[in-house]
Amino acid sequence: MMRRMNKMRLKDVAEAVDCSESLLSKIENNKIEPSLKVLHRITAVLGTSIAELFAARHENAITVQHAGERTVVITRANAESGAVSLERIIPFGDDQLLDANIHIVDPKTDSGGDITHAGEEVGFVLDGELELTIEDETFYLKPGDSFYFRSELRHRYYNPGDHTTRVLWVNTPPTF
């Protein structure tokens, strides 16, 4: 839908994202769940955010969401691995400065490769364990640990544990 609104051909977006037209078509038709890395590349080409691709617009200045009512966006690193789910803490809205999600990372699952984009990120590990790699340095995090970095730095993450990891993750500007 977003591609068509931008009057872009499937072929042009696929070339810019460096993926096949078939893969992009399957993503558009909800036949597969792409990795965060692919989603970031698609949104960069379309000039949008992951939140805008998946969420309805929200224009209110005040939002209250009860447990179990938040939108969850599911992505996959690859067909054989577990999922990375993003539970939306802040619904998408125009002129929004923050983006907040709970990243739910299945055991032995990663973010799908290096990610870079504009902005800043801060996170707090709620449950489980996380290997966070920024540039060439890997940090091993457990519940109660937090992190901050500039989003322009290459980053990725991995759940090395046998239990689901949950991380409160905040970005500015919104990229998810």
N, C-alpha and C. Protein backbone atom coordinates (compact mmCIF):
# COMPACT_ATOMS: atom_id res chain seq x y z
N MET A 1 0.82 -1.19 0.00
CA MET A 1 0.00 0.00 0.00
C MET A 1 0.87 1.26 0.00
N MET A 2 1.84 1.31 0.92
CA MET A 2 2.72 2.48 1.01
C MET A 2 3.51 2.65 -0.29
N ARG A 3 3.95 1.54 -0.87
CA ARG A 3 4.69 1.60 -2.14
C ARG A 3 3.82 2.20 -3.22
N ARG A 4 2.57 1.76 -3.29
CA ARG A 4 1.65 2.27 -4.31
C ARG A 4 1.32 3.74 -4.09
N MET A 5 1.19 4.13 -2.82
CA MET A 5 0.92 5.54 -2.51
C MET A 5 2.07 6.42 -2.96
N ASN A 6 3.28 5.89 -2.91
CA ASN A 6 4.47 6.62 -3.38
C ASN A 6 4.70 6.47 -4.88
N LYS A 7 3.76 5.75 -5.54
CA LYS A 7 3.83 5.53 -6.99
C LYS A 7 5.15 4.89 -7.40
N MET A 8 5.54 3.87 -6.64
CA MET A 8 6.79 3.16 -6.92
C MET A 8 6.45 1.75 -7.41
N ARG A 9 7.22 1.29 -8.37
CA ARG A 9 7.05 -0.07 -8.88
C ARG A 9 7.73 -1.06 -7.94
N LEU A 10 7.18 -2.26 -7.91
CA LEU A 10 7.75 -3.34 -7.10
C LEU A 10 9.22 -3.53 -7.44
N LYS A 11 9.53 -3.50 -8.72
CA LYS A 11 10.90 -3.71 -9.20
C LYS A 11 11.85 -2.64 -8.65
N ASP A 12 11.40 -1.37 -8.66
CA ASP A 12 12.25 -0.28 -8.19
C ASP A 12 12.55 -0.38 -6.69
N VAL A 13 11.52 -0.72 -5.91
CA VAL A 13 11.73 -0.85 -4.47
C VAL A 13 12.63 -2.05 -4.18
N ALA A 14 12.38 -3.16 -4.86
CA ALA A 14 13.20 -4.36 -4.65
C ALA A 14 14.67 -4.08 -4.95
N GLU A 15 14.94 -3.38 -6.04
CA GLU A 15 16.34 -3.04 -6.38
C GLU A 15 16.96 -2.15 -5.30
N ALA A 16 16.21 -1.15 -4.85
CA ALA A 16 16.74 -0.22 -3.84
C ALA A 16 16.97 -0.91 -2.50
N VAL A 17 16.12 -1.88 -2.18
CA VAL A 17 16.23 -2.59 -0.91
C VAL A 17 17.26 -3.72 -1.01
N ASP A 18 17.61 -4.11 -2.25
CA ASP A 18 18.53 -5.22 -2.51
C ASP A 18 17.90 -6.55 -2.10
N CYS A 19 16.66 -6.75 -2.61
CA CYS A 19 15.98 -8.02 -2.41
C CYS A 19 15.22 -8.35 -3.69
N SER A 20 14.68 -9.53 -3.78
CA SER A 20 13.95 -9.92 -5.00
C SER A 20 12.55 -9.33 -4.99
N GLU A 21 11.98 -9.19 -6.19
CA GLU A 21 10.60 -8.74 -6.30
C GLU A 21 9.68 -9.74 -5.63
N SER A 22 10.01 -11.01 -5.75
CA SER A 22 9.20 -12.07 -5.14
C SER A 22 9.15 -11.91 -3.62
N LEU A 23 10.30 -11.66 -3.01
CA LEU A 23 10.35 -11.48 -1.56
C LEU A 23 9.51 -10.28 -1.15
N LEU A 24 9.67 -9.17 -1.85
CA LEU A 24 8.93 -7.95 -1.54
C LEU A 24 7.43 -8.18 -1.70
N SER A 25 7.03 -8.88 -2.74
CA SER A 25 5.62 -9.19 -2.96
C SER A 25 5.06 -10.03 -1.82
N LYS A 26 5.83 -11.02 -1.36
CA LYS A 26 5.38 -11.87 -0.26
C LYS A 26 5.24 -11.06 1.03
N ILE A 27 6.15 -10.11 1.24
CA ILE A 27 6.06 -9.24 2.41
C ILE A 27 4.79 -8.39 2.33
N GLU A 28 4.56 -7.78 1.16
CA GLU A 28 3.38 -6.93 0.98
C GLU A 28 2.09 -7.70 1.16
N ASN A 29 2.06 -8.97 0.80
CA ASN A 29 0.85 -9.78 0.88
C ASN A 29 0.78 -10.63 2.14
N ASN A 30 1.62 -10.28 3.12
CA ASN A 30 1.63 -10.97 4.42
C ASN A 30 1.83 -12.48 4.31
N LYS A 31 2.62 -12.90 3.32
CA LYS A 31 2.93 -14.33 3.16
C LYS A 31 4.15 -14.72 3.98
N ILE A 32 5.05 -13.75 4.23
CA ILE A 32 6.23 -13.98 5.07
C ILE A 32 6.42 -12.80 6.00
N GLU A 33 7.15 -13.02 7.07
CA GLU A 33 7.47 -11.98 8.03
C GLU A 33 8.95 -11.65 7.89
N PRO A 34 9.27 -10.45 7.41
CA PRO A 34 10.68 -10.10 7.17
C PRO A 34 11.44 -9.80 8.45
N SER A 35 12.76 -9.78 8.33
CA SER A 35 13.60 -9.41 9.47
C SER A 35 13.54 -7.90 9.69
N LEU A 36 13.99 -7.47 10.87
CA LEU A 36 14.05 -6.04 11.14
C LEU A 36 14.98 -5.33 10.16
N LYS A 37 16.06 -6.00 9.79
CA LYS A 37 17.01 -5.41 8.85
C LYS A 37 16.32 -5.10 7.53
N VAL A 38 15.56 -6.04 6.99
CA VAL A 38 14.85 -5.82 5.72
C VAL A 38 13.78 -4.75 5.90
N LEU A 39 13.06 -4.77 7.01
CA LEU A 39 12.05 -3.75 7.25
C LEU A 39 12.66 -2.35 7.29
N HIS A 40 13.83 -2.22 7.93
CA HIS A 40 14.50 -0.91 7.98
C HIS A 40 14.89 -0.46 6.57
N ARG A 41 15.37 -1.37 5.74
CA ARG A 41 15.75 -1.00 4.36
C ARG A 41 14.53 -0.58 3.56
N ILE A 42 13.41 -1.29 3.72
CA ILE A 42 12.19 -0.95 3.00
C ILE A 42 11.68 0.42 3.42
N THR A 43 11.65 0.67 4.73
CA THR A 43 11.13 1.96 5.19
C THR A 43 12.03 3.12 4.77
N ALA A 44 13.33 2.88 4.70
CA ALA A 44 14.24 3.94 4.24
C ALA A 44 13.93 4.30 2.78
N VAL A 45 13.68 3.29 1.95
CA VAL A 45 13.37 3.54 0.54
C VAL A 45 12.02 4.25 0.39
N LEU A 46 11.05 3.87 1.22
CA LEU A 46 9.71 4.46 1.13
C LEU A 46 9.58 5.77 1.90
N GLY A 47 10.62 6.12 2.65
CA GLY A 47 10.58 7.37 3.40
C GLY A 47 9.56 7.34 4.53
N THR A 48 9.50 6.23 5.24
CA THR A 48 8.52 6.06 6.30
C THR A 48 9.15 5.33 7.47
N SER A 49 8.35 4.83 8.38
CA SER A 49 8.84 4.06 9.52
C SER A 49 8.10 2.72 9.58
N ILE A 50 8.65 1.79 10.33
CA ILE A 50 8.00 0.50 10.50
C ILE A 50 6.63 0.69 11.16
N ALA A 51 6.55 1.60 12.11
CA ALA A 51 5.27 1.86 12.78
C ALA A 51 4.20 2.28 11.78
N GLU A 52 4.58 3.14 10.85
CA GLU A 52 3.60 3.62 9.87
C GLU A 52 3.16 2.50 8.94
N LEU A 53 4.03 1.54 8.66
CA LEU A 53 3.63 0.42 7.82
C LEU A 53 2.61 -0.48 8.50
N PHE A 54 2.70 -0.64 9.82
CA PHE A 54 1.90 -1.64 10.52
C PHE A 54 0.78 -1.09 11.40
N ALA A 55 0.81 0.16 11.76
CA ALA A 55 -0.15 0.64 12.75
C ALA A 55 -1.08 1.70 12.18
N ALA A 56 -2.26 1.73 12.75
CA ALA A 56 -3.22 2.78 12.40
C ALA A 56 -2.74 4.09 13.01
N ARG A 57 -3.08 5.19 12.37
CA ARG A 57 -2.69 6.50 12.88
C ARG A 57 -3.33 6.78 14.22
N HIS A 58 -2.60 7.49 15.06
CA HIS A 58 -3.07 7.85 16.38
C HIS A 58 -2.73 9.32 16.59
N GLU A 59 -3.72 10.16 16.75
CA GLU A 59 -3.49 11.60 16.82
C GLU A 59 -3.69 12.19 18.22
N ASN A 60 -4.08 11.39 19.20
CA ASN A 60 -4.34 11.92 20.54
C ASN A 60 -3.05 12.25 21.26
N ALA A 61 -3.11 13.28 22.11
CA ALA A 61 -1.95 13.66 22.90
C ALA A 61 -1.79 12.78 24.13
N ILE A 62 -2.84 12.03 24.48
CA ILE A 62 -2.81 11.15 25.63
C ILE A 62 -3.20 9.74 25.18
N THR A 63 -2.43 8.76 25.61
CA THR A 63 -2.73 7.37 25.28
C THR A 63 -2.60 6.52 26.53
N VAL A 64 -3.61 5.71 26.78
CA VAL A 64 -3.55 4.71 27.84
C VAL A 64 -3.89 3.39 27.19
N GLN A 65 -2.99 2.41 27.33
CA GLN A 65 -3.24 1.07 26.79
C GLN A 65 -3.06 0.08 27.92
N HIS A 66 -4.07 -0.76 28.11
CA HIS A 66 -3.99 -1.76 29.17
C HIS A 66 -3.26 -2.99 28.66
N ALA A 67 -2.69 -3.74 29.58
CA ALA A 67 -1.98 -4.97 29.23
C ALA A 67 -2.88 -5.85 28.36
N GLY A 68 -2.28 -6.40 27.29
CA GLY A 68 -3.02 -7.27 26.38
C GLY A 68 -3.75 -6.54 25.28
N GLU A 69 -3.77 -5.20 25.30
CA GLU A 69 -4.48 -4.40 24.29
C GLU A 69 -3.55 -3.79 23.26
N ARG A 70 -2.24 -3.88 23.47
CA ARG A 70 -1.29 -3.22 22.58
C ARG A 70 -1.10 -4.04 21.29
N THR A 71 -0.85 -3.33 20.19
CA THR A 71 -0.54 -3.95 18.90
C THR A 71 0.80 -4.65 19.00
N VAL A 72 0.91 -5.84 18.41
CA VAL A 72 2.17 -6.57 18.36
C VAL A 72 2.52 -6.82 16.90
N VAL A 73 3.71 -6.38 16.49
CA VAL A 73 4.23 -6.61 15.14
C VAL A 73 5.24 -7.74 15.24
N ILE A 74 5.05 -8.80 14.44
CA ILE A 74 5.95 -9.96 14.50
C ILE A 74 6.86 -9.95 13.28
N THR A 75 8.16 -10.12 13.52
CA THR A 75 9.12 -10.25 12.43
C THR A 75 9.90 -11.54 12.63
N ARG A 76 10.58 -11.98 11.63
CA ARG A 76 11.39 -13.20 11.72
C ARG A 76 12.76 -12.92 11.12
N ALA A 77 13.80 -13.42 11.78
CA ALA A 77 15.16 -13.30 11.25
C ALA A 77 15.30 -14.18 10.01
N ASN A 78 14.75 -15.39 10.05
CA ASN A 78 14.68 -16.28 8.88
C ASN A 78 13.66 -17.37 9.19
N ALA A 79 13.33 -18.16 8.19
CA ALA A 79 12.26 -19.15 8.33
C ALA A 79 12.53 -20.19 9.41
N GLU A 80 13.79 -20.50 9.69
CA GLU A 80 14.13 -21.54 10.66
C GLU A 80 14.20 -21.03 12.10
N SER A 81 14.30 -19.74 12.26
CA SER A 81 14.51 -19.21 13.62
C SER A 81 13.19 -18.80 14.26
N GLY A 82 13.29 -18.41 15.52
CA GLY A 82 12.14 -17.90 16.23
C GLY A 82 11.82 -16.48 15.82
N ALA A 83 10.86 -15.91 16.48
CA ALA A 83 10.38 -14.58 16.12
C ALA A 83 10.97 -13.50 17.03
N VAL A 84 11.01 -12.29 16.48
CA VAL A 84 11.20 -11.08 17.26
C VAL A 84 9.88 -10.33 17.11
N SER A 85 9.21 -10.10 18.23
CA SER A 85 7.93 -9.39 18.22
C SER A 85 8.13 -8.02 18.85
N LEU A 86 7.44 -7.02 18.32
CA LEU A 86 7.51 -5.67 18.87
C LEU A 86 6.13 -5.31 19.41
N GLU A 87 6.03 -5.23 20.73
CA GLU A 87 4.77 -4.82 21.35
C GLU A 87 4.79 -3.30 21.45
N ARG A 88 3.87 -2.65 20.73
CA ARG A 88 3.86 -1.19 20.61
C ARG A 88 3.42 -0.53 21.92
N ILE A 89 4.31 0.21 22.56
CA ILE A 89 3.98 0.96 23.77
C ILE A 89 3.31 2.28 23.38
N ILE A 90 3.80 2.88 22.30
CA ILE A 90 3.24 4.13 21.80
C ILE A 90 2.67 3.86 20.41
N PRO A 91 1.35 4.04 20.21
CA PRO A 91 0.80 3.89 18.86
C PRO A 91 1.40 4.94 17.93
N PHE A 92 1.47 4.61 16.64
CA PHE A 92 2.04 5.55 15.69
C PHE A 92 1.15 6.77 15.53
N GLY A 93 1.77 7.95 15.41
CA GLY A 93 1.04 9.19 15.17
C GLY A 93 1.93 10.19 14.45
N ASP A 94 1.32 11.12 13.73
CA ASP A 94 2.08 12.15 13.04
C ASP A 94 2.81 13.03 14.05
N ASP A 95 3.97 13.53 13.67
CA ASP A 95 4.78 14.45 14.49
C ASP A 95 5.20 13.85 15.83
N GLN A 96 5.23 12.55 15.92
CA GLN A 96 5.65 11.86 17.13
C GLN A 96 7.17 11.92 17.23
N LEU A 97 7.69 12.21 18.41
CA LEU A 97 9.13 12.30 18.62
C LEU A 97 9.74 11.02 19.16
N LEU A 98 8.94 10.20 19.83
CA LEU A 98 9.42 8.97 20.45
C LEU A 98 8.75 7.75 19.84
N ASP A 99 9.46 6.64 19.92
CA ASP A 99 8.93 5.34 19.55
C ASP A 99 9.33 4.39 20.67
N ALA A 100 8.37 3.69 21.26
CA ALA A 100 8.68 2.78 22.35
C ALA A 100 7.99 1.44 22.12
N ASN A 101 8.75 0.38 22.29
CA ASN A 101 8.26 -0.98 22.11
C ASN A 101 8.86 -1.88 23.16
N ILE A 102 8.21 -3.02 23.38
CA ILE A 102 8.84 -4.10 24.13
C ILE A 102 9.26 -5.10 23.06
N HIS A 103 10.57 -5.29 22.90
CA HIS A 103 11.09 -6.28 21.97
C HIS A 103 11.01 -7.63 22.68
N ILE A 104 10.29 -8.56 22.08
CA ILE A 104 10.14 -9.90 22.62
C ILE A 104 10.92 -10.83 21.71
N VAL A 105 12.03 -11.35 22.21
CA VAL A 105 12.98 -12.10 21.39
C VAL A 105 12.98 -13.56 21.83
N ASP A 106 12.56 -14.44 20.92
CA ASP A 106 12.55 -15.87 21.22
C ASP A 106 13.97 -16.37 21.48
N PRO A 107 14.10 -17.48 22.21
CA PRO A 107 15.43 -18.05 22.46
C PRO A 107 16.18 -18.33 21.15
N LYS A 108 17.48 -18.09 21.17
CA LYS A 108 18.38 -18.36 20.03
C LYS A 108 17.96 -17.60 18.78
N THR A 109 17.37 -16.42 18.93
CA THR A 109 16.89 -15.60 17.81
C THR A 109 17.62 -14.27 17.81
N ASP A 110 17.87 -13.74 16.60
CA ASP A 110 18.56 -12.45 16.48
C ASP A 110 17.71 -11.45 15.71
N SER A 111 18.23 -10.25 15.59
CA SER A 111 17.52 -9.16 14.92
C SER A 111 17.64 -9.24 13.41
N GLY A 112 18.35 -10.20 12.87
CA GLY A 112 18.42 -10.37 11.43
C GLY A 112 19.59 -9.66 10.77
N GLY A 113 20.57 -9.25 11.51
CA GLY A 113 21.75 -8.61 10.93
C GLY A 113 21.91 -7.18 11.40
N ASP A 114 22.96 -6.53 10.90
CA ASP A 114 23.26 -5.15 11.31
C ASP A 114 22.19 -4.19 10.84
N ILE A 115 21.86 -3.23 11.71
CA ILE A 115 20.88 -2.19 11.44
C ILE A 115 21.56 -0.85 11.67
N THR A 116 21.29 0.12 10.82
CA THR A 116 21.72 1.50 11.04
C THR A 116 20.59 2.41 10.56
N HIS A 117 20.42 3.52 11.26
CA HIS A 117 19.41 4.52 10.89
C HIS A 117 19.66 5.76 11.72
N ALA A 118 18.96 6.82 11.44
CA ALA A 118 19.13 8.07 12.19
C ALA A 118 18.54 7.94 13.57
N GLY A 119 19.11 8.65 14.54
CA GLY A 119 18.49 8.74 15.85
C GLY A 119 19.30 8.24 17.02
N GLU A 120 18.61 8.00 18.12
CA GLU A 120 19.19 7.50 19.35
C GLU A 120 18.30 6.39 19.90
N GLU A 121 18.90 5.49 20.70
CA GLU A 121 18.16 4.37 21.27
C GLU A 121 18.56 4.17 22.72
N VAL A 122 17.57 3.78 23.50
CA VAL A 122 17.80 3.45 24.90
C VAL A 122 16.96 2.21 25.20
N GLY A 123 17.51 1.32 26.02
CA GLY A 123 16.77 0.12 26.34
C GLY A 123 17.00 -0.33 27.76
N PHE A 124 16.07 -1.17 28.24
CA PHE A 124 16.13 -1.72 29.58
C PHE A 124 15.67 -3.17 29.49
N VAL A 125 16.54 -4.10 29.90
CA VAL A 125 16.22 -5.52 29.82
C VAL A 125 15.27 -5.87 30.97
N LEU A 126 14.07 -6.33 30.59
CA LEU A 126 13.05 -6.71 31.57
C LEU A 126 13.20 -8.16 32.01
N ASP A 127 13.36 -9.06 31.04
CA ASP A 127 13.46 -10.50 31.29
C ASP A 127 14.45 -11.12 30.33
N GLY A 128 15.08 -12.21 30.74
CA GLY A 128 15.96 -12.96 29.84
C GLY A 128 17.35 -12.36 29.75
N GLU A 129 18.03 -12.70 28.66
CA GLU A 129 19.39 -12.20 28.43
C GLU A 129 19.51 -11.76 26.99
N LEU A 130 20.43 -10.83 26.75
CA LEU A 130 20.59 -10.24 25.43
C LEU A 130 22.05 -9.98 25.14
N GLU A 131 22.49 -10.36 23.95
CA GLU A 131 23.80 -9.95 23.44
C GLU A 131 23.53 -8.79 22.50
N LEU A 132 24.00 -7.62 22.86
CA LEU A 132 23.84 -6.41 22.04
C LEU A 132 25.20 -6.07 21.45
N THR A 133 25.28 -6.05 20.12
CA THR A 133 26.54 -5.72 19.45
C THR A 133 26.38 -4.36 18.80
N ILE A 134 27.29 -3.44 19.16
CA ILE A 134 27.32 -2.10 18.58
C ILE A 134 28.70 -1.93 17.97
N GLU A 135 28.69 -1.69 16.64
CA GLU A 135 29.93 -1.70 15.88
C GLU A 135 30.58 -3.08 16.09
N ASP A 136 31.75 -3.16 16.67
CA ASP A 136 32.42 -4.45 16.85
C ASP A 136 32.52 -4.87 18.32
N GLU A 137 31.74 -4.22 19.18
CA GLU A 137 31.78 -4.54 20.60
C GLU A 137 30.47 -5.19 21.04
N THR A 138 30.56 -6.33 21.70
CA THR A 138 29.38 -7.06 22.15
C THR A 138 29.23 -6.92 23.67
N PHE A 139 28.00 -6.61 24.08
CA PHE A 139 27.67 -6.44 25.49
C PHE A 139 26.69 -7.54 25.89
N TYR A 140 26.91 -8.17 27.03
CA TYR A 140 26.03 -9.23 27.53
C TYR A 140 25.16 -8.62 28.63
N LEU A 141 23.86 -8.60 28.39
CA LEU A 141 22.93 -7.92 29.29
C LEU A 141 21.95 -8.90 29.91
N LYS A 142 21.55 -8.59 31.14
CA LYS A 142 20.58 -9.41 31.88
C LYS A 142 19.53 -8.47 32.48
N PRO A 143 18.47 -9.02 33.10
CA PRO A 143 17.42 -8.16 33.66
C PRO A 143 17.98 -7.07 34.56
N GLY A 144 17.48 -5.86 34.35
CA GLY A 144 17.93 -4.70 35.11
C GLY A 144 19.01 -3.90 34.43
N ASP A 145 19.68 -4.48 33.41
CA ASP A 145 20.72 -3.75 32.67
C ASP A 145 20.06 -2.82 31.65
N SER A 146 20.74 -1.73 31.35
CA SER A 146 20.23 -0.77 30.37
C SER A 146 21.33 -0.40 29.39
N PHE A 147 20.94 0.25 28.31
CA PHE A 147 21.91 0.68 27.29
C PHE A 147 21.41 1.94 26.58
N TYR A 148 22.35 2.63 25.96
CA TYR A 148 22.08 3.80 25.12
C TYR A 148 23.11 3.81 24.02
N PHE A 149 22.72 4.20 22.79
CA PHE A 149 23.68 4.41 21.71
C PHE A 149 23.03 5.23 20.60
N ARG A 150 23.89 5.79 19.78
CA ARG A 150 23.44 6.52 18.59
C ARG A 150 23.09 5.49 17.52
N SER A 151 21.94 5.64 16.91
CA SER A 151 21.42 4.64 15.96
C SER A 151 22.22 4.55 14.67
N GLU A 152 23.04 5.57 14.37
CA GLU A 152 23.87 5.53 13.17
C GLU A 152 24.96 4.46 13.28
N LEU A 153 25.25 4.03 14.49
CA LEU A 153 26.23 2.97 14.70
C LEU A 153 25.61 1.63 14.31
N ARG A 154 26.39 0.78 13.65
CA ARG A 154 25.90 -0.56 13.30
C ARG A 154 25.53 -1.30 14.58
N HIS A 155 24.32 -1.86 14.59
CA HIS A 155 23.90 -2.58 15.79
C HIS A 155 23.02 -3.78 15.43
N ARG A 156 23.06 -4.75 16.32
CA ARG A 156 22.24 -5.96 16.19
C ARG A 156 22.13 -6.58 17.57
N TYR A 157 21.20 -7.52 17.69
CA TYR A 157 21.09 -8.20 18.98
C TYR A 157 20.70 -9.66 18.80
N TYR A 158 20.91 -10.42 19.88
CA TYR A 158 20.70 -11.88 19.86
C TYR A 158 20.31 -12.34 21.26
N ASN A 159 19.35 -13.24 21.34
CA ASN A 159 19.00 -13.87 22.62
C ASN A 159 19.73 -15.20 22.69
N PRO A 160 20.82 -15.30 23.48
CA PRO A 160 21.58 -16.54 23.56
C PRO A 160 20.96 -17.57 24.51
N GLY A 161 19.93 -17.15 25.24
CA GLY A 161 19.38 -18.00 26.29
C GLY A 161 18.33 -19.00 25.81
N ASP A 162 17.83 -19.75 26.77
CA ASP A 162 16.80 -20.75 26.52
C ASP A 162 15.40 -20.23 26.85
N HIS A 163 15.31 -18.97 27.27
CA HIS A 163 14.03 -18.37 27.63
C HIS A 163 13.83 -17.10 26.82
N THR A 164 12.59 -16.69 26.66
CA THR A 164 12.25 -15.47 25.93
C THR A 164 12.84 -14.26 26.64
N THR A 165 13.37 -13.33 25.84
CA THR A 165 13.92 -12.07 26.36
C THR A 165 12.94 -10.95 26.04
N ARG A 166 12.74 -10.05 27.00
CA ARG A 166 11.88 -8.88 26.81
C ARG A 166 12.69 -7.64 27.15
N VAL A 167 12.71 -6.68 26.20
CA VAL A 167 13.48 -5.45 26.37
C VAL A 167 12.59 -4.25 26.08
N LEU A 168 12.49 -3.32 27.01
CA LEU A 168 11.82 -2.06 26.75
C LEU A 168 12.78 -1.22 25.92
N TRP A 169 12.38 -0.86 24.68
CA TRP A 169 13.30 -0.21 23.74
C TRP A 169 12.65 1.09 23.25
N VAL A 170 13.37 2.20 23.40
CA VAL A 170 12.85 3.51 23.00
C VAL A 170 13.78 4.12 21.96
N ASN A 171 13.19 4.62 20.87
CA ASN A 171 13.94 5.28 19.80
C ASN A 171 13.43 6.70 19.60
N THR A 172 14.31 7.54 19.17
CA THR A 172 13.89 8.84 18.66
C THR A 172 14.82 9.18 17.50
N PRO A 173 14.33 9.63 16.37
CA PRO A 173 12.91 9.69 16.01
C PRO A 173 12.35 8.29 15.79
N PRO A 174 11.02 8.17 15.67
CA PRO A 174 10.42 6.84 15.45
C PRO A 174 11.00 6.17 14.21
N THR A 175 11.45 4.93 14.39
CA THR A 175 11.95 4.15 13.26
C THR A 175 11.21 2.85 13.12
N PHE A 176 10.57 2.40 14.19
CA PHE A 176 9.77 1.19 14.15
C PHE A 176 8.37 1.58 13.86
